[in-house]
C-alpha cells in the first residue's frame, strides 16, 4: 500500500498539469466553433492542426522512442540511438493530452451552443 501512494500522487500531479491546456484549447475550440459560418461548424484548420495533429505527432514520437529503447533492452538510451529528447518529450505529454481533450470538449460545447442558437 505504501508503494501505491507515490504512484497515485505522480499520476494526480501529471493529470493536474494538463488542466490549463484543457481550458485553453477548449475555450479556443469553443469560440472557433461558435464563430464558424459553415453549415457544419468546426473550429477551423489551423486550430485542428495546432491542437490535435501536432500533439498527436508528439505522442506518437514519444511512443516510438520508448518502444525503440524497450526493444533493444539497453539501459543506456544513447547506446541504442534513441532520442536524447525523451525526458523533454515526456514533460510535453500533459500539454499534448490536455490540448486534444480540450479541443474535443470545446468543439462539442460549441456545436451544442450553435444548435441551441439556431433553435432559439
PDB file of N, CA and C in Angstrom:
ATOM      1  N   UNK A   1       0.825  -1.196   0.000  1.00  0.00           N
ATOM      2  CA  UNK A   1       0.000   0.000   0.000  1.00  0.00           C
ATOM      3  C   UNK A   1       0.869   1.261   0.000  1.00  0.00           C
ATOM      4  N   UNK A   2       1.993   1.209   0.703  1.00  0.00           N
ATOM      5  CA  UNK A   2       2.835   2.401   0.775  1.00  0.00           C
ATOM      6  C   UNK A   2       3.475   2.720  -0.575  1.00  0.00           C
ATOM      7  N   UNK A   3       3.641   1.733  -1.435  1.00  0.00           N
ATOM      8  CA  UNK A   3       4.199   1.984  -2.771  1.00  0.00           C
ATOM      9  C   UNK A   3       3.152   2.573  -3.705  1.00  0.00           C
ATOM     10  N   UNK A   4       1.885   2.380  -3.382  1.00  0.00           N
ATOM     11  CA  UNK A   4       0.804   2.872  -4.231  1.00  0.00           C
ATOM     12  C   UNK A   4       0.611   4.383  -4.104  1.00  0.00           C
ATOM     13  N   UNK A   5       0.844   4.930  -2.935  1.00  0.00           N
ATOM     14  CA  UNK A   5       0.630   6.361  -2.695  1.00  0.00           C
ATOM     15  C   UNK A   5       1.529   7.239  -3.571  1.00  0.00           C
ATOM     16  N   UNK A   6       2.831   6.986  -3.664  1.00  0.00           N
ATOM     17  CA  UNK A   6       3.651   7.829  -4.540  1.00  0.00           C
ATOM     18  C   UNK A   6       3.255   7.722  -6.015  1.00  0.00           C
ATOM     19  N   UNK A   7       2.866   6.537  -6.437  1.00  0.00           N
ATOM     20  CA  UNK A   7       2.451   6.359  -7.834  1.00  0.00           C
ATOM     21  C   UNK A   7       1.179   7.152  -8.111  1.00  0.00           C
ATOM     22  N   UNK A   8       0.210   7.062  -7.215  1.00  0.00           N
ATOM     23  CA  UNK A   8      -1.030   7.824  -7.383  1.00  0.00           C
ATOM     24  C   UNK A   8      -0.774   9.323  -7.335  1.00  0.00           C
ATOM     25  N   UNK A   9       0.140   9.745  -6.486  1.00  0.00           N
ATOM     26  CA  UNK A   9       0.489  11.165  -6.405  1.00  0.00           C
ATOM     27  C   UNK A   9       1.095  11.656  -7.710  1.00  0.00           C
ATOM     28  N   UNK A  10       1.973  10.873  -8.286  1.00  0.00           N
ATOM     29  CA  UNK A  10       2.594  11.260  -9.556  1.00  0.00           C
ATOM     30  C   UNK A  10       1.543  11.371 -10.649  1.00  0.00           C
ATOM     31  N   UNK A  11       0.653  10.385 -10.742  1.00  0.00           N
ATOM     32  CA  UNK A  11      -0.387  10.436 -11.768  1.00  0.00           C
ATOM     33  C   UNK A  11      -1.353  11.595 -11.535  1.00  0.00           C
ATOM     34  N   UNK A  12      -1.663  11.885 -10.274  1.00  0.00           N
ATOM     35  CA  UNK A  12      -2.536  13.014  -9.971  1.00  0.00           C
ATOM     36  C   UNK A  12      -1.884  14.325 -10.403  1.00  0.00           C
ATOM     37  N   UNK A  13      -0.625  14.523 -10.064  1.00  0.00           N
ATOM     38  CA  UNK A  13       0.072  15.749 -10.461  1.00  0.00           C
ATOM     39  C   UNK A  13       0.230  15.834 -11.977  1.00  0.00           C
ATOM     40  N   UNK A  14       0.476  14.714 -12.598  1.00  0.00           N
ATOM     41  CA  UNK A  14       0.600  14.660 -14.052  1.00  0.00           C
ATOM     42  C   UNK A  14      -0.719  15.069 -14.711  1.00  0.00           C
ATOM     43  N   UNK A  15      -1.836  14.578 -14.168  1.00  0.00           N
ATOM     44  CA  UNK A  15      -3.155  14.930 -14.688  1.00  0.00           C
ATOM     45  C   UNK A  15      -3.462  16.399 -14.434  1.00  0.00           C
ATOM     46  N   UNK A  16      -3.145  16.884 -13.260  1.00  0.00           N
ATOM     47  CA  UNK A  16      -3.439  18.279 -12.932  1.00  0.00           C
ATOM     48  C   UNK A  16      -2.630  19.248 -13.787  1.00  0.00           C
ATOM     49  N   UNK A  17      -1.458  18.843 -14.235  1.00  0.00           N
ATOM     50  CA  UNK A  17      -0.662  19.745 -15.065  1.00  0.00           C
ATOM     51  C   UNK A  17      -1.239  19.906 -16.462  1.00  0.00           C
ATOM     52  N   UNK A  18      -2.173  19.051 -16.851  1.00  0.00           N
ATOM     53  CA  UNK A  18      -2.792  19.199 -18.168  1.00  0.00           C
ATOM     54  C   UNK A  18      -4.051  20.060 -18.129  1.00  0.00           C
ATOM     55  N   UNK A  19      -4.557  20.386 -16.946  1.00  0.00           N
ATOM     56  CA  UNK A  19      -5.800  21.157 -16.824  1.00  0.00           C
ATOM     57  C   UNK A  19      -5.720  22.526 -17.503  1.00  0.00           C
ATOM     58  N   UNK A  20      -4.659  23.318 -17.334  1.00  0.00           N
ATOM     59  CA  UNK A  20      -4.632  24.612 -18.035  1.00  0.00           C
ATOM     60  C   UNK A  20      -4.705  24.469 -19.554  1.00  0.00           C
ATOM     61  N   UNK A  21      -4.141  23.405 -20.079  1.00  0.00           N
ATOM     62  CA  UNK A  21      -4.172  23.198 -21.522  1.00  0.00           C
ATOM     63  C   UNK A  21      -5.546  22.735 -21.984  1.00  0.00           C
ATOM     64  N   UNK A  22      -6.255  22.005 -21.126  1.00  0.00           N
ATOM     65  CA  UNK A  22      -7.633  21.626 -21.441  1.00  0.00           C
ATOM     66  C   UNK A  22      -8.491  22.879 -21.535  1.00  0.00           C
ATOM     67  N   UNK A  23      -8.337  23.782 -20.573  1.00  0.00           N
ATOM     68  CA  UNK A  23      -9.122  25.020 -20.565  1.00  0.00           C
ATOM     69  C   UNK A  23      -8.764  25.891 -21.761  1.00  0.00           C
ATOM     70  N   UNK A  24      -7.489  26.068 -22.020  1.00  0.00           N
ATOM     71  CA  UNK A  24      -7.042  26.928 -23.117  1.00  0.00           C
ATOM     72  C   UNK A  24      -7.526  26.406 -24.467  1.00  0.00           C
ATOM     73  N   UNK A  25      -7.300  25.131 -24.744  1.00  0.00           N
ATOM     74  CA  UNK A  25      -7.713  24.562 -26.025  1.00  0.00           C
ATOM     75  C   UNK A  25      -9.231  24.487 -26.120  1.00  0.00           C
ATOM     76  N   UNK A  26      -9.894  24.227 -25.008  1.00  0.00           N
ATOM     77  CA  UNK A  26     -11.352  24.169 -25.005  1.00  0.00           C
ATOM     78  C   UNK A  26     -11.988  25.506 -25.313  1.00  0.00           C
ATOM     79  N   UNK A  27     -11.474  26.558 -24.697  1.00  0.00           N
ATOM     80  CA  UNK A  27     -12.021  27.895 -24.977  1.00  0.00           C
ATOM     81  C   UNK A  27     -11.770  28.294 -26.426  1.00  0.00           C
ATOM     82  N   UNK A  28     -10.606  27.969 -26.921  1.00  0.00           N
ATOM     83  CA  UNK A  28     -10.269  28.295 -28.300  1.00  0.00           C
ATOM     84  C   UNK A  28     -11.158  27.537 -29.285  1.00  0.00           C
ATOM     85  N   UNK A  29     -11.346  26.243 -29.058  1.00  0.00           N
ATOM     86  CA  UNK A  29     -12.200  25.447 -29.945  1.00  0.00           C
ATOM     87  C   UNK A  29     -13.653  25.889 -29.836  1.00  0.00           C
ATOM     88  N   UNK A  30     -14.080  26.247 -28.638  1.00  0.00           N
ATOM     89  CA  UNK A  30     -15.456  26.706 -28.439  1.00  0.00           C
ATOM     90  C   UNK A  30     -15.722  27.990 -29.219  1.00  0.00           C
ATOM     91  N   UNK A  31     -14.849  28.987 -29.058  1.00  0.00           N
ATOM     92  CA  UNK A  31     -15.064  30.246 -29.773  1.00  0.00           C
ATOM     93  C   UNK A  31     -14.903  30.069 -31.274  1.00  0.00           C
ATOM     94  N   UNK A  32     -14.007  29.190 -31.700  1.00  0.00           N
ATOM     95  CA  UNK A  32     -13.870  28.928 -33.128  1.00  0.00           C
ATOM     96  C   UNK A  32     -15.104  28.272 -33.709  1.00  0.00           C
ATOM     97  N   UNK A  33     -15.703  27.372 -32.957  1.00  0.00           N
ATOM     98  CA  UNK A  33     -16.917  26.699 -33.420  1.00  0.00           C
ATOM     99  C   UNK A  33     -18.093  27.664 -33.444  1.00  0.00           C
ATOM    100  N   UNK A  34     -18.200  28.508 -32.440  1.00  0.00           N
ATOM    101  CA  UNK A  34     -19.283  29.499 -32.395  1.00  0.00           C
ATOM    102  C   UNK A  34     -19.148  30.481 -33.559  1.00  0.00           C
ATOM    103  N   UNK A  35     -17.929  30.900 -33.863  1.00  0.00           N
ATOM    104  CA  UNK A  35     -17.700  31.896 -34.909  1.00  0.00           C
ATOM    105  C   UNK A  35     -17.756  31.312 -36.318  1.00  0.00           C
ATOM    106  N   UNK A  36     -17.771  29.998 -36.434  1.00  0.00           N
ATOM    107  CA  UNK A  36     -17.767  29.358 -37.751  1.00  0.00           C
ATOM    108  C   UNK A  36     -19.050  29.672 -38.512  1.00  0.00           C
ATOM    109  N   UNK A  37     -18.896  30.014 -39.781  1.00  0.00           N
ATOM    110  CA  UNK A  37     -20.052  30.321 -40.631  1.00  0.00           C
ATOM    111  C   UNK A  37     -20.479  29.111 -41.461  1.00  0.00           C
ATOM    112  N   UNK A  38     -19.762  28.010 -41.334  1.00  0.00           N
ATOM    113  CA  UNK A  38     -20.066  26.808 -42.119  1.00  0.00           C
ATOM    114  C   UNK A  38     -21.376  26.180 -41.649  1.00  0.00           C
ATOM    115  N   UNK A  39     -22.064  25.470 -42.550  1.00  0.00           N
ATOM    116  CA  UNK A  39     -23.298  24.790 -42.134  1.00  0.00           C
ATOM    117  C   UNK A  39     -23.048  23.751 -41.037  1.00  0.00           C
ATOM    118  N   UNK A  40     -21.906  23.076 -41.107  1.00  0.00           N
ATOM    119  CA  UNK A  40     -21.490  22.158 -40.042  1.00  0.00           C
ATOM    120  C   UNK A  40     -20.312  22.812 -39.334  1.00  0.00           C
ATOM    121  N   UNK A  41     -20.554  23.530 -38.236  1.00  0.00           N
ATOM    122  CA  UNK A  41     -19.488  24.316 -37.603  1.00  0.00           C
ATOM    123  C   UNK A  41     -18.363  23.452 -37.043  1.00  0.00           C
ATOM    124  N   UNK A  42     -17.160  23.974 -37.164  1.00  0.00           N
ATOM    125  CA  UNK A  42     -15.973  23.364 -36.573  1.00  0.00           C
ATOM    126  C   UNK A  42     -14.952  24.460 -36.328  1.00  0.00           C
ATOM    127  N   UNK A  43     -13.977  24.239 -35.452  1.00  0.00           N
ATOM    128  CA  UNK A  43     -13.048  25.302 -35.050  1.00  0.00           C
ATOM    129  C   UNK A  43     -12.146  25.839 -36.151  1.00  0.00           C
ATOM    130  N   UNK A  44     -11.872  25.094 -37.183  1.00  0.00           N
ATOM    131  CA  UNK A  44     -11.032  25.574 -38.274  1.00  0.00           C
ATOM    132  C   UNK A  44      -9.796  24.722 -38.472  1.00  0.00           C
ATOM    133  N   UNK A  45      -9.162  24.921 -39.622  1.00  0.00           N
ATOM    134  CA  UNK A  45      -7.996  24.112 -39.986  1.00  0.00           C
ATOM    135  C   UNK A  45      -6.810  24.359 -39.059  1.00  0.00           C
ATOM    136  N   UNK A  46      -6.496  25.619 -38.832  1.00  0.00           N
ATOM    137  CA  UNK A  46      -5.326  25.940 -38.011  1.00  0.00           C
ATOM    138  C   UNK A  46      -5.491  25.430 -36.582  1.00  0.00           C
ATOM    139  N   UNK A  47      -6.668  25.618 -36.032  1.00  0.00           N
ATOM    140  CA  UNK A  47      -6.927  25.143 -34.675  1.00  0.00           C
ATOM    141  C   UNK A  47      -6.813  23.625 -34.593  1.00  0.00           C
ATOM    142  N   UNK A  48      -7.317  22.946 -35.599  1.00  0.00           N
ATOM    143  CA  UNK A  48      -7.243  21.485 -35.614  1.00  0.00           C
ATOM    144  C   UNK A  48      -5.800  21.011 -35.726  1.00  0.00           C
ATOM    145  N   UNK A  49      -5.032  21.657 -36.571  1.00  0.00           N
ATOM    146  CA  UNK A  49      -3.630  21.269 -36.734  1.00  0.00           C
ATOM    147  C   UNK A  49      -2.851  21.521 -35.447  1.00  0.00           C
ATOM    148  N   UNK A  50      -3.014  22.703 -34.865  1.00  0.00           N
ATOM    149  CA  UNK A  50      -2.221  23.080 -33.692  1.00  0.00           C
ATOM    150  C   UNK A  50      -2.637  22.338 -32.418  1.00  0.00           C
ATOM    151  N   UNK A  51      -3.918  22.015 -32.287  1.00  0.00           N
ATOM    152  CA  UNK A  51      -4.396  21.446 -31.029  1.00  0.00           C
ATOM    153  C   UNK A  51      -4.689  19.960 -31.077  1.00  0.00           C
ATOM    154  N   UNK A  52      -4.625  19.363 -32.281  1.00  0.00           N
ATOM    155  CA  UNK A  52      -4.862  17.921 -32.382  1.00  0.00           C
ATOM    156  C   UNK A  52      -3.719  17.214 -33.110  1.00  0.00           C
ATOM    157  N   UNK A  53      -3.419  17.634 -34.325  1.00  0.00           N
ATOM    158  CA  UNK A  53      -2.436  16.906 -35.129  1.00  0.00           C
ATOM    159  C   UNK A  53      -1.015  17.005 -34.580  1.00  0.00           C
ATOM    160  N   UNK A  54      -0.570  18.195 -34.220  1.00  0.00           N
ATOM    161  CA  UNK A  54       0.786  18.327 -33.677  1.00  0.00           C
ATOM    162  C   UNK A  54       0.955  17.623 -32.326  1.00  0.00           C
ATOM    163  N   UNK A  55      -0.016  17.743 -31.396  1.00  0.00           N
ATOM    164  CA  UNK A  55       0.115  16.953 -30.165  1.00  0.00           C
ATOM    165  C   UNK A  55       0.104  15.442 -30.415  1.00  0.00           C
ATOM    166  N   UNK A  56      -0.710  14.986 -31.377  1.00  0.00           N
ATOM    167  CA  UNK A  56      -0.697  13.559 -31.712  1.00  0.00           C
ATOM    168  C   UNK A  56       0.656  13.132 -32.254  1.00  0.00           C
ATOM    169  N   UNK A  57       1.255  13.986 -33.063  1.00  0.00           N
ATOM    170  CA  UNK A  57       2.585  13.695 -33.592  1.00  0.00           C
ATOM    171  C   UNK A  57       3.600  13.557 -32.453  1.00  0.00           C
ATOM    172  N   UNK A  58       3.524  14.450 -31.476  1.00  0.00           N
ATOM    173  CA  UNK A  58       4.423  14.380 -30.322  1.00  0.00           C
ATOM    174  C   UNK A  58       4.203  13.100 -29.518  1.00  0.00           C
ATOM    175  N   UNK A  59       2.949  12.722 -29.322  1.00  0.00           N
ATOM    176  CA  UNK A  59       2.638  11.499 -28.575  1.00  0.00           C
ATOM    177  C   UNK A  59       3.178  10.277 -29.309  1.00  0.00           C
ATOM    178  N   UNK A  60       2.965  10.222 -30.618  1.00  0.00           N
ATOM    179  CA  UNK A  60       3.463   9.081 -31.397  1.00  0.00           C
ATOM    180  C   UNK A  60       4.984   9.046 -31.432  1.00  0.00           C
ATOM    181  N   UNK A  61       5.613  10.210 -31.497  1.00  0.00           N
ATOM    182  CA  UNK A  61       7.071  10.261 -31.482  1.00  0.00           C
ATOM    183  C   UNK A  61       7.615   9.734 -30.157  1.00  0.00           C
ATOM    184  N   UNK A  62       7.005  10.149 -29.059  1.00  0.00           N
ATOM    185  CA  UNK A  62       7.438   9.657 -27.753  1.00  0.00           C
ATOM    186  C   UNK A  62       7.221   8.146 -27.645  1.00  0.00           C
ATOM    187  N   UNK A  63       6.056   7.674 -28.091  1.00  0.00           N
ATOM    188  CA  UNK A  63       5.775   6.235 -28.038  1.00  0.00           C
ATOM    189  C   UNK A  63       6.772   5.453 -28.889  1.00  0.00           C
ATOM    190  N   UNK A  64       7.122   5.990 -30.037  1.00  0.00           N
ATOM    191  CA  UNK A  64       8.092   5.320 -30.901  1.00  0.00           C
ATOM    192  C   UNK A  64       9.464   5.269 -30.232  1.00  0.00           C
ATOM    193  N   UNK A  65       9.885   6.376 -29.624  1.00  0.00           N
ATOM    194  CA  UNK A  65      11.175   6.396 -28.926  1.00  0.00           C
ATOM    195  C   UNK A  65      11.199   5.414 -27.759  1.00  0.00           C
ATOM    196  N   UNK A  66      10.102   5.342 -27.021  1.00  0.00           N
ATOM    197  CA  UNK A  66      10.029   4.413 -25.894  1.00  0.00           C
ATOM    198  C   UNK A  66      10.070   2.976 -26.395  1.00  0.00           C
ATOM    199  N   UNK A  67       9.347   2.694 -27.468  1.00  0.00           N
ATOM    200  CA  UNK A  67       9.332   1.319 -27.983  1.00  0.00           C
ATOM    201  C   UNK A  67      10.692   0.919 -28.552  1.00  0.00           C
ATOM    202  N   UNK A  68      11.410   1.855 -29.159  1.00  0.00           N
ATOM    203  CA  UNK A  68      12.747   1.551 -29.683  1.00  0.00           C
ATOM    204  C   UNK A  68      13.717   1.216 -28.560  1.00  0.00           C
ATOM    205  N   UNK A  69      13.651   1.986 -27.476  1.00  0.00           N
ATOM    206  CA  UNK A  69      14.559   1.705 -26.361  1.00  0.00           C
ATOM    207  C   UNK A  69      14.153   0.430 -25.633  1.00  0.00           C
ATOM    208  N   UNK A  70      12.854   0.103 -25.632  1.00  0.00           N
ATOM    209  CA  UNK A  70      12.403  -1.128 -24.977  1.00  0.00           C
ATOM    210  C   UNK A  70      12.787  -2.359 -25.789  1.00  0.00           C
ATOM    211  N   UNK A  71      12.749  -2.239 -27.117  1.00  0.00           N
ATOM    212  CA  UNK A  71      13.103  -3.376 -27.973  1.00  0.00           C
ATOM    213  C   UNK A  71      14.565  -3.766 -27.812  1.00  0.00           C
ATOM    214  N   UNK A  72      15.410  -2.767 -27.628  1.00  0.00           N
ATOM    215  CA  UNK A  72      16.840  -3.051 -27.543  1.00  0.00           C
ATOM    216  C   UNK A  72      17.219  -3.696 -26.216  1.00  0.00           C
ATOM    217  N   UNK A  73      16.474  -3.391 -25.170  1.00  0.00           N
ATOM    218  CA  UNK A  73      16.777  -3.942 -23.859  1.00  0.00           C
ATOM    219  C   UNK A  73      17.939  -3.252 -23.170  1.00  0.00           C
ATOM    220  N   UNK A  74      18.475  -2.211 -23.793  1.00  0.00           N
ATOM    221  CA  UNK A  74      19.609  -1.497 -23.203  1.00  0.00           C
ATOM    222  C   UNK A  74      19.109  -0.456 -22.222  1.00  0.00           C
ATOM    223  N   UNK A  75      19.877  -0.252 -21.182  1.00  0.00           N
ATOM    224  CA  UNK A  75      19.527   0.768 -20.209  1.00  0.00           C
ATOM    225  C   UNK A  75      20.011   2.137 -20.641  1.00  0.00           C
ATOM    226  N   UNK A  76      21.022   2.185 -21.456  1.00  0.00           N
ATOM    227  CA  UNK A  76      21.593   3.444 -21.907  1.00  0.00           C
ATOM    228  C   UNK A  76      20.944   3.840 -23.235  1.00  0.00           C
ATOM    229  N   UNK A  77      20.172   4.921 -23.233  1.00  0.00           N
ATOM    230  CA  UNK A  77      19.445   5.328 -24.435  1.00  0.00           C
ATOM    231  C   UNK A  77      20.386   5.762 -25.548  1.00  0.00           C
ATOM    232  N   UNK A  78      21.528   6.349 -25.200  1.00  0.00           N
ATOM    233  CA  UNK A  78      22.460   6.805 -26.228  1.00  0.00           C
ATOM    234  C   UNK A  78      23.086   5.630 -26.973  1.00  0.00           C
ATOM    235  N   UNK A  79      23.259   4.516 -26.286  1.00  0.00           N
ATOM    236  CA  UNK A  79      23.849   3.340 -26.932  1.00  0.00           C
ATOM    237  C   UNK A  79      22.919   2.771 -27.993  1.00  0.00           C
ATOM    238  N   UNK A  80      21.631   2.952 -27.809  1.00  0.00           N
ATOM    239  CA  UNK A  80      20.650   2.432 -28.751  1.00  0.00           C
ATOM    240  C   UNK A  80      20.454   3.389 -29.913  1.00  0.00           C
ATOM    241  N   UNK A  81      20.685   4.643 -29.688  1.00  0.00           N
ATOM    242  CA  UNK A  81      20.451   5.640 -30.722  1.00  0.00           C
ATOM    243  C   UNK A  81      19.093   6.307 -30.608  1.00  0.00           C
ATOM    244  N   UNK A  82      18.400   6.109 -29.492  1.00  0.00           N
ATOM    245  CA  UNK A  82      17.124   6.790 -29.303  1.00  0.00           C
ATOM    246  C   UNK A  82      17.385   8.249 -28.974  1.00  0.00           C
ATOM    247  N   UNK A  83      16.349   9.010 -29.042  1.00  0.00           N
ATOM    248  CA  UNK A  83      16.460  10.448 -28.892  1.00  0.00           C
ATOM    249  C   UNK A  83      16.866  10.847 -27.472  1.00  0.00           C
ATOM    250  N   UNK A  84      17.744  11.824 -27.400  1.00  0.00           N
ATOM    251  CA  UNK A  84      18.112  12.389 -26.101  1.00  0.00           C
ATOM    252  C   UNK A  84      17.031  13.345 -25.606  1.00  0.00           C
ATOM    253  N   UNK A  85      16.043  13.578 -26.454  1.00  0.00           N
ATOM    254  CA  UNK A  85      14.950  14.478 -26.106  1.00  0.00           C
ATOM    255  C   UNK A  85      13.821  13.767 -25.369  1.00  0.00           C
ATOM    256  N   UNK A  86      13.950  12.490 -25.087  1.00  0.00           N
ATOM    257  CA  UNK A  86      12.860  11.737 -24.449  1.00  0.00           C
ATOM    258  C   UNK A  86      12.388  12.331 -23.120  1.00  0.00           C
ATOM    259  N   UNK A  87      13.268  12.788 -22.227  1.00  0.00           N
ATOM    260  CA  UNK A  87      12.761  13.398 -20.992  1.00  0.00           C
ATOM    261  C   UNK A  87      11.928  14.652 -21.258  1.00  0.00           C
ATOM    262  N   UNK A  88      12.322  15.423 -22.257  1.00  0.00           N
ATOM    263  CA  UNK A  88      11.575  16.633 -22.595  1.00  0.00           C
ATOM    264  C   UNK A  88      10.263  16.280 -23.282  1.00  0.00           C
ATOM    265  N   UNK A  89      10.289  15.244 -24.092  1.00  0.00           N
ATOM    266  CA  UNK A  89       9.051  14.782 -24.717  1.00  0.00           C
ATOM    267  C   UNK A  89       8.074  14.298 -23.649  1.00  0.00           C
ATOM    268  N   UNK A  90       8.590  13.626 -22.628  1.00  0.00           N
ATOM    269  CA  UNK A  90       7.729  13.162 -21.543  1.00  0.00           C
ATOM    270  C   UNK A  90       7.074  14.345 -20.836  1.00  0.00           C
ATOM    271  N   UNK A  91       7.824  15.413 -20.637  1.00  0.00           N
ATOM    272  CA  UNK A  91       7.263  16.593 -19.975  1.00  0.00           C
ATOM    273  C   UNK A  91       6.241  17.306 -20.853  1.00  0.00           C
ATOM    274  N   UNK A  92       6.297  17.103 -22.151  1.00  0.00           N
ATOM    275  CA  UNK A  92       5.337  17.724 -23.061  1.00  0.00           C
ATOM    276  C   UNK A  92       4.073  16.890 -23.260  1.00  0.00           C
ATOM    277  N   UNK A  93       4.019  15.711 -22.687  1.00  0.00           N
ATOM    278  CA  UNK A  93       2.835  14.879 -22.848  1.00  0.00           C
ATOM    279  C   UNK A  93       1.582  15.453 -22.177  1.00  0.00           C
ATOM    280  N   UNK A  94       1.632  15.997 -20.946  1.00  0.00           N
ATOM    281  CA  UNK A  94       0.410  16.574 -20.377  1.00  0.00           C
ATOM    282  C   UNK A  94      -0.178  17.704 -21.228  1.00  0.00           C
ATOM    283  N   UNK A  95       0.642  18.651 -21.737  1.00  0.00           N
ATOM    284  CA  UNK A  95       0.047  19.650 -22.623  1.00  0.00           C
ATOM    285  C   UNK A  95      -0.547  19.032 -23.892  1.00  0.00           C
ATOM    286  N   UNK A  96       0.083  17.992 -24.410  1.00  0.00           N
ATOM    287  CA  UNK A  96      -0.431  17.356 -25.627  1.00  0.00           C
ATOM    288  C   UNK A  96      -1.784  16.695 -25.363  1.00  0.00           C
ATOM    289  N   UNK A  97      -1.864  15.905 -24.306  1.00  0.00           N
ATOM    290  CA  UNK A  97      -3.137  15.259 -23.978  1.00  0.00           C
ATOM    291  C   UNK A  97      -4.198  16.292 -23.602  1.00  0.00           C
ATOM    292  N   UNK A  98      -3.803  17.323 -22.858  1.00  0.00           N
ATOM    293  CA  UNK A  98      -4.743  18.372 -22.477  1.00  0.00           C
ATOM    294  C   UNK A  98      -5.258  19.146 -23.667  1.00  0.00           C
ATOM    295  N   UNK A  99      -4.405  19.396 -24.626  1.00  0.00           N
ATOM    296  CA  UNK A  99      -4.813  20.118 -25.827  1.00  0.00           C
ATOM    297  C   UNK A  99      -5.827  19.315 -26.634  1.00  0.00           C
ATOM    298  N   UNK A 100      -5.586  18.029 -26.777  1.00  0.00           N
ATOM    299  CA  UNK A 100      -6.515  17.183 -27.529  1.00  0.00           C
ATOM    300  C   UNK A 100      -7.855  17.074 -26.799  1.00  0.00           C
ATOM    301  N   UNK A 101      -7.814  16.855 -25.496  1.00  0.00           N
ATOM    302  CA  UNK A 101      -9.048  16.742 -24.715  1.00  0.00           C
ATOM    303  C   UNK A 101      -9.817  18.055 -24.715  1.00  0.00           C
ATOM    304  N   UNK A 102      -9.118  19.172 -24.538  1.00  0.00           N
ATOM    305  CA  UNK A 102      -9.773  20.474 -24.545  1.00  0.00           C
ATOM    306  C   UNK A 102     -10.400  20.796 -25.882  1.00  0.00           C
ATOM    307  N   UNK A 103      -9.716  20.447 -26.960  1.00  0.00           N
ATOM    308  CA  UNK A 103     -10.258  20.661 -28.303  1.00  0.00           C
ATOM    309  C   UNK A 103     -11.574  19.901 -28.466  1.00  0.00           C
ATOM    310  N   UNK A 104     -11.583  18.645 -28.049  1.00  0.00           N
ATOM    311  CA  UNK A 104     -12.803  17.843 -28.169  1.00  0.00           C
ATOM    312  C   UNK A 104     -13.941  18.390 -27.326  1.00  0.00           C
ATOM    313  N   UNK A 105     -13.645  18.761 -26.094  1.00  0.00           N
ATOM    314  CA  UNK A 105     -14.673  19.301 -25.202  1.00  0.00           C
ATOM    315  C   UNK A 105     -15.200  20.629 -25.737  1.00  0.00           C
ATOM    316  N   UNK A 106     -14.298  21.524 -26.153  1.00  0.00           N
ATOM    317  CA  UNK A 106     -14.714  22.822 -26.684  1.00  0.00           C
ATOM    318  C   UNK A 106     -15.517  22.700 -27.958  1.00  0.00           C
ATOM    319  N   UNK A 107     -15.131  21.768 -28.819  1.00  0.00           N
ATOM    320  CA  UNK A 107     -15.864  21.554 -30.066  1.00  0.00           C
ATOM    321  C   UNK A 107     -17.283  21.075 -29.784  1.00  0.00           C
ATOM    322  N   UNK A 108     -17.430  20.109 -28.882  1.00  0.00           N
ATOM    323  CA  UNK A 108     -18.763  19.587 -28.553  1.00  0.00           C
ATOM    324  C   UNK A 108     -19.622  20.672 -27.914  1.00  0.00           C
ATOM    325  N   UNK A 109     -19.046  21.439 -26.983  1.00  0.00           N
ATOM    326  CA  UNK A 109     -19.813  22.511 -26.339  1.00  0.00           C
ATOM    327  C   UNK A 109     -20.190  23.598 -27.338  1.00  0.00           C
ATOM    328  N   UNK A 110     -19.270  23.955 -28.240  1.00  0.00           N
ATOM    329  CA  UNK A 110     -19.560  24.964 -29.251  1.00  0.00           C
ATOM    330  C   UNK A 110     -20.613  24.510 -30.231  1.00  0.00           C
ATOM    331  N   UNK A 111     -20.563  23.249 -30.602  1.00  0.00           N
ATOM    332  CA  UNK A 111     -21.559  22.710 -31.531  1.00  0.00           C
ATOM    333  C   UNK A 111     -22.942  22.713 -30.887  1.00  0.00           C
ATOM    334  N   UNK A 112     -23.007  22.331 -29.615  1.00  0.00           N
ATOM    335  CA  UNK A 112     -24.290  22.370 -28.896  1.00  0.00           C
ATOM    336  C   UNK A 112     -24.817  23.796 -28.794  1.00  0.00           C
ATOM    337  N   UNK A 113     -23.937  24.741 -28.530  1.00  0.00           N
ATOM    338  CA  UNK A 113     -24.362  26.140 -28.428  1.00  0.00           C
ATOM    339  C   UNK A 113     -24.893  26.643 -29.764  1.00  0.00           C
ATOM    340  N   UNK A 114     -24.264  26.251 -30.862  1.00  0.00           N
ATOM    341  CA  UNK A 114     -24.744  26.648 -32.190  1.00  0.00           C
ATOM    342  C   UNK A 114     -26.109  26.040 -32.494  1.00  0.00           C
ATOM    343  N   UNK A 115     -26.341  24.798 -32.090  1.00  0.00           N
ATOM    344  CA  UNK A 115     -27.639  24.149 -32.309  1.00  0.00           C
ATOM    345  C   UNK A 115     -28.713  24.865 -31.506  1.00  0.00           C
ATOM    346  N   UNK A 116     -28.429  25.191 -30.251  1.00  0.00           N
ATOM    347  CA  UNK A 116     -29.402  25.908 -29.417  1.00  0.00           C
ATOM    348  C   UNK A 116     -29.628  27.322 -29.929  1.00  0.00           C
ATOM    349  N   UNK A 117     -28.610  27.930 -30.519  1.00  0.00           N
ATOM    350  CA  UNK A 117     -28.724  29.275 -31.080  1.00  0.00           C
ATOM    351  C   UNK A 117     -29.671  29.271 -32.280  1.00  0.00           C
ATOM    352  N   UNK A 118     -29.591  28.250 -33.110  1.00  0.00           N
ATOM    353  CA  UNK A 118     -30.466  28.149 -34.286  1.00  0.00           C
ATOM    354  C   UNK A 118     -31.904  27.858 -33.891  1.00  0.00           C
ATOM    355  N   UNK A 119     -32.081  27.047 -32.839  1.00  0.00           N
ATOM    356  CA  UNK A 119     -33.429  26.681 -32.404  1.00  0.00           C
ATOM    357  C   UNK A 119     -34.134  27.824 -31.688  1.00  0.00           C
ATOM    358  N   UNK A 120     -33.382  28.604 -30.969  1.00  0.00           N
ATOM    359  CA  UNK A 120     -33.996  29.615 -30.109  1.00  0.00           C
ATOM    360  C   UNK A 120     -33.824  30.960 -30.557  1.00  0.00           C
TER     361      UNK A 120
END
